C-alpha atoms as a PDB file:
ATOM      1  CA  MET A   1     117.193 100.464 114.395  1.00  0.00           C
ATOM      2  CA  GLY A   2     120.892  99.091 114.438  1.00  0.00           C
ATOM      3  CA  GLY A   3     120.510  96.663 117.442  1.00  0.00           C
ATOM      4  CA  PRO A   4     121.425  92.806 117.446  1.00  0.00           C
ATOM      5  CA  GLY A   5     119.657  91.071 114.499  1.00  0.00           C
ATOM      6  CA  SER A   6     119.606  94.121 112.369  1.00  0.00           C
ATOM      7  CA  PHE A   7     120.950  94.022 108.803  1.00  0.00           C
ATOM      8  CA  LYS A   8     124.099  95.558 108.221  1.00  0.00           C
ATOM      9  CA  THR A   9     123.177  97.454 105.005  1.00  0.00           C
ATOM     10  CA  LYS A  10     119.726  98.712 103.680  1.00  0.00           C
ATOM     11  CA  THR A  11     120.394  96.339 100.580  1.00  0.00           C
ATOM     12  CA  GLU A  12     120.838  93.430 102.709  1.00  0.00           C
ATOM     13  CA  ALA A  13     117.504  94.106 104.369  1.00  0.00           C
ATOM     14  CA  LYS A  14     115.939  94.760 101.007  1.00  0.00           C
ATOM     15  CA  GLN A  15     117.193  91.344  99.774  1.00  0.00           C
ATOM     16  CA  ALA A  16     116.098  89.417 102.891  1.00  0.00           C
ATOM     17  CA  ARG A  17     112.438  91.160 102.437  1.00  0.00           C
ATOM     18  CA  GLN A  18     112.508  89.910  98.791  1.00  0.00           C
ATOM     19  CA  ARG A  19     113.250  86.310  99.860  1.00  0.00           C
ATOM     20  CA  ALA A  20     110.643  86.257 102.475  1.00  0.00           C
ATOM     21  CA  ARG A  21     107.961  87.608 100.091  1.00  0.00           C
ATOM     22  CA  GLU A  22     109.075  84.808  97.720  1.00  0.00           C
ATOM     23  CA  ARG A  23     108.870  82.184 100.315  1.00  0.00           C
ATOM     24  CA  LEU A  24     105.476  83.566 101.657  1.00  0.00           C
ATOM     25  CA  GLY A  25     104.038  84.408  98.340  1.00  0.00           C
ATOM     26  CA  GLY A  26     101.915  81.275  97.854  1.00  0.00           C
ATOM     27  CA  ALA A  27     100.127  81.645 101.214  1.00  0.00           C
ATOM     28  CA  ARG A  28      96.688  83.348 101.079  1.00  0.00           C
ATOM     29  CA  LEU A  29      95.854  85.349 104.233  1.00  0.00           C
ATOM     30  CA  ARG A  30      92.261  84.088 104.249  1.00  0.00           C
ATOM     31  CA  ASP A  31      93.418  80.620 104.562  1.00  0.00           C
ATOM     32  CA  VAL A  32      95.939  81.206 107.305  1.00  0.00           C
ATOM     33  CA  SER A  33      94.689  81.076 110.907  1.00  0.00           C
ATOM     34  CA  VAL A  34      96.516  82.921 113.881  1.00  0.00           C
ATOM     35  CA  ARG A  35      97.774  79.593 114.899  1.00  0.00           C
ATOM     36  CA  GLY A  36      99.145  78.546 111.682  1.00  0.00           C
ATOM     37  CA  PHE A  37     100.927  81.987 111.184  1.00  0.00           C
ATOM     38  CA  TRP A  38     102.269  81.818 114.766  1.00  0.00           C
ATOM     39  CA  GLU A  39     103.677  78.397 114.332  1.00  0.00           C
ATOM     40  CA  ARG A  40     105.387  79.310 111.218  1.00  0.00           C
ATOM     41  CA  TRP A  41     106.727  82.591 112.667  1.00  0.00           C
ATOM     42  CA  THR A  42     108.151  80.901 115.787  1.00  0.00           C
ATOM     43  CA  SER A  43     109.821  77.990 114.005  1.00  0.00           C
ATOM     44  CA  ASP A  44     110.690  78.742 110.544  1.00  0.00           C
ATOM     45  CA  PRO A  45     114.430  79.618 110.197  1.00  0.00           C
ATOM     46  CA  LEU A  46     113.302  82.611 107.872  1.00  0.00           C
ATOM     47  CA  PHE A  47     112.465  84.504 111.237  1.00  0.00           C
ATOM     48  CA  ALA A  48     114.810  83.353 113.600  1.00  0.00           C
ATOM     49  CA  ARG A  49     116.698  85.791 115.669  1.00  0.00           C
ATOM     50  CA  PRO A  50     120.406  85.639 116.137  1.00  0.00           C
ATOM     51  CA  LYS A  51     119.944  84.645 119.743  1.00  0.00           C
ATOM     52  CA  GLU A  52     117.779  81.660 120.583  1.00  0.00           C
ATOM     53  CA  ALA A  53     116.626  83.409 123.838  1.00  0.00           C
ATOM     54  CA  SER A  54     114.969  85.948 121.636  1.00  0.00           C
ATOM     55  CA  ASP A  55     112.869  83.009 119.897  1.00  0.00           C
ATOM     56  CA  ILE A  56     111.948  81.510 123.073  1.00  0.00           C
ATOM     57  CA  ARG A  57     110.713  84.899 124.468  1.00  0.00           C
ATOM     58  CA  ARG A  58     108.732  85.843 121.229  1.00  0.00           C
ATOM     59  CA  ARG A  59     106.943  82.180 121.374  1.00  0.00           C
ATOM     60  CA  GLU A  60     106.239  82.479 125.189  1.00  0.00           C
ATOM     61  CA  GLY A  61     105.227  86.145 124.906  1.00  0.00           C
ATOM     62  CA  THR A  62     102.591  85.235 122.292  1.00  0.00           C
ATOM     63  CA  LYS A  63     101.489  81.889 123.319  1.00  0.00           C
ATOM     64  CA  ALA A  64      98.327  82.963 125.414  1.00  0.00           C
ATOM     65  CA  PHE A  65      97.211  85.026 122.434  1.00  0.00           C
ATOM     66  CA  VAL A  66      97.318  82.053 120.140  1.00  0.00           C
ATOM     67  CA  GLU A  67      95.515  79.870 122.664  1.00  0.00           C
ATOM     68  CA  ARG A  68      92.594  82.273 122.665  1.00  0.00           C
ATOM     69  CA  TYR A  69      92.444  83.417 118.943  1.00  0.00           C
ATOM     70  CA  GLY A  70      94.367  80.610 117.330  1.00  0.00           C
ATOM     71  CA  LYS A  71      91.349  79.593 114.781  1.00  0.00           C
ATOM     72  CA  VAL A  72      90.671  83.080 113.903  1.00  0.00           C
ATOM     73  CA  PRO A  73      91.995  83.980 110.330  1.00  0.00           C
ATOM     74  CA  ILE A  74      95.053  86.056 110.458  1.00  0.00           C
ATOM     75  CA  ALA A  75      93.263  88.351 107.840  1.00  0.00           C
ATOM     76  CA  HIS A  76      90.830  89.181 110.479  1.00  0.00           C
ATOM     77  CA  VAL A  77      93.300  90.371 113.066  1.00  0.00           C
ATOM     78  CA  GLY A  78      93.603  94.256 113.409  1.00  0.00           C
ATOM     79  CA  GLY A  79      90.773  94.855 110.938  1.00  0.00           C
END
């Protein structure tokens, strides 16, 4: 990938993935709604992009989907 926001090394990316897994480990997918996931994904610093504009664009670009499917369990999406 190599674009803005990419990790400098593969090791750095793997470490970030491990930290994310540790932070998210307690959440059970069957208990998380689309809205719950979206709210965390668009506000938790864990998922923040280097540029605030990217976060705003991501939030605005997915808002209509969440308004329509917010109550659906995230585990049912794509399945």
